[in-house]
Each structure stands twice: as structure tokens, then as C-alpha cells.
Amino acid sequence: MNGQIQEVPQEYDGETAVHRVGFKLEELVEFLYAASESEEDFHGRIAQLHQ
């Protein structure tokens, strides 16, 4: 995320992990919104994520 390539896997603390997952979720929600034909369609797709 800072432009550097991580050559070796890095273990994250819980707080950093939550932050990174939150960012990824936000991107996925934005992607679903862009791919949806309507608000109703979008909410239906979000509901599918909860199944």
C-alpha cells in the first residue's frame, strides 16, 4: 500500500489486519455498486454477501 514490494510474508497485528480488511471490503462494495443496475439490485447483491 505504500508502493514497496513485500518479498517476505509479514504477520500483521489485529488492528492492522482489521484496517486492511476494511479497506478491501470498501473496494468490493464500490465494485458491486458500479456493477449494479439499480439501488434495489445493489442491495440484493449486498444481501447475497451475507449468505
C-alpha atoms as a PDB file:
ATOM      1  CA  MET A   1       0.000   0.000   0.000  1.00  0.00           C
ATOM      2  CA  ASN A   2       2.997   2.270   0.313  1.00  0.00           C
ATOM      3  CA  GLY A   3       4.457   1.407  -3.095  1.00  0.00           C
ATOM      4  CA  GLN A   4       7.035  -1.042  -1.776  1.00  0.00           C
ATOM      5  CA  ILE A   5       7.053  -4.720  -2.747  1.00  0.00           C
ATOM      6  CA  GLN A   6       6.901  -7.119   0.193  1.00  0.00           C
ATOM      7  CA  GLU A   7       9.222 -10.036  -0.650  1.00  0.00           C
ATOM      8  CA  VAL A   8       8.615 -11.972   2.578  1.00  0.00           C
ATOM      9  CA  PRO A   9       5.150 -12.558   4.073  1.00  0.00           C
ATOM     10  CA  GLN A  10       4.525 -10.269   7.021  1.00  0.00           C
ATOM     11  CA  GLU A  11       2.429 -11.055  10.067  1.00  0.00           C
ATOM     12  CA  TYR A  12       0.038  -8.251  10.999  1.00  0.00           C
ATOM     13  CA  ASP A  13      -1.290  -7.371  14.406  1.00  0.00           C
ATOM     14  CA  GLY A  14      -5.059  -7.462  14.865  1.00  0.00           C
ATOM     15  CA  GLU A  15      -5.578  -3.719  14.462  1.00  0.00           C
ATOM     16  CA  THR A  16      -3.651  -3.572  11.181  1.00  0.00           C
ATOM     17  CA  ALA A  17      -5.488  -6.646   9.892  1.00  0.00           C
ATOM     18  CA  VAL A  18      -8.881  -5.050  10.637  1.00  0.00           C
ATOM     19  CA  HIS A  19      -7.821  -1.846   8.871  1.00  0.00           C
ATOM     20  CA  ARG A  20      -6.672  -3.717   5.758  1.00  0.00           C
ATOM     21  CA  VAL A  21      -9.794  -5.870   5.614  1.00  0.00           C
ATOM     22  CA  GLY A  22     -11.976  -2.775   5.984  1.00  0.00           C
ATOM     23  CA  PHE A  23     -10.232  -1.192   3.014  1.00  0.00           C
ATOM     24  CA  LYS A  24     -10.716  -4.322   0.905  1.00  0.00           C
ATOM     25  CA  LEU A  25     -14.405  -4.510   1.847  1.00  0.00           C
ATOM     26  CA  GLU A  26     -14.914  -0.888   0.865  1.00  0.00           C
ATOM     27  CA  GLU A  27     -13.398  -1.591  -2.552  1.00  0.00           C
ATOM     28  CA  LEU A  28     -15.640  -4.637  -3.041  1.00  0.00           C
ATOM     29  CA  VAL A  29     -18.765  -2.688  -2.111  1.00  0.00           C
ATOM     30  CA  GLU A  30     -17.818   0.066  -4.559  1.00  0.00           C
ATOM     31  CA  PHE A  31     -17.270  -2.568  -7.247  1.00  0.00           C
ATOM     32  CA  LEU A  32     -20.707  -4.098  -6.599  1.00  0.00           C
ATOM     33  CA  TYR A  33     -22.317  -0.659  -6.691  1.00  0.00           C
ATOM     34  CA  ALA A  34     -20.719   0.123 -10.054  1.00  0.00           C
ATOM     35  CA  ALA A  35     -21.835  -3.243 -11.443  1.00  0.00           C
ATOM     36  CA  SER A  36     -25.435  -2.883 -10.245  1.00  0.00           C
ATOM     37  CA  GLU A  37     -28.209  -1.621 -12.485  1.00  0.00           C
ATOM     38  CA  SER A  38     -30.221   0.000  -9.670  1.00  0.00           C
ATOM     39  CA  GLU A  39     -30.254   0.641  -5.926  1.00  0.00           C
ATOM     40  CA  GLU A  40     -32.506  -2.391  -5.499  1.00  0.00           C
ATOM     41  CA  ASP A  41     -30.087  -4.537  -7.497  1.00  0.00           C
ATOM     42  CA  PHE A  42     -27.189  -3.253  -5.394  1.00  0.00           C
ATOM     43  CA  HIS A  43     -28.947  -4.046  -2.112  1.00  0.00           C
ATOM     44  CA  GLY A  44     -29.777  -7.516  -3.413  1.00  0.00           C
ATOM     45  CA  ARG A  45     -26.136  -8.145  -4.228  1.00  0.00           C
ATOM     46  CA  ILE A  46     -25.073  -6.952  -0.783  1.00  0.00           C
ATOM     47  CA  ALA A  47     -27.640  -9.318   0.746  1.00  0.00           C
ATOM     48  CA  GLN A  48     -26.051 -12.168  -1.231  1.00  0.00           C
ATOM     49  CA  LEU A  49     -22.753 -11.465   0.528  1.00  0.00           C
ATOM     50  CA  HIS A  50     -24.411 -12.194   3.869  1.00  0.00           C
ATOM     51  CA  GLN A  51     -25.467 -15.706   2.815  1.00  0.00           C
END
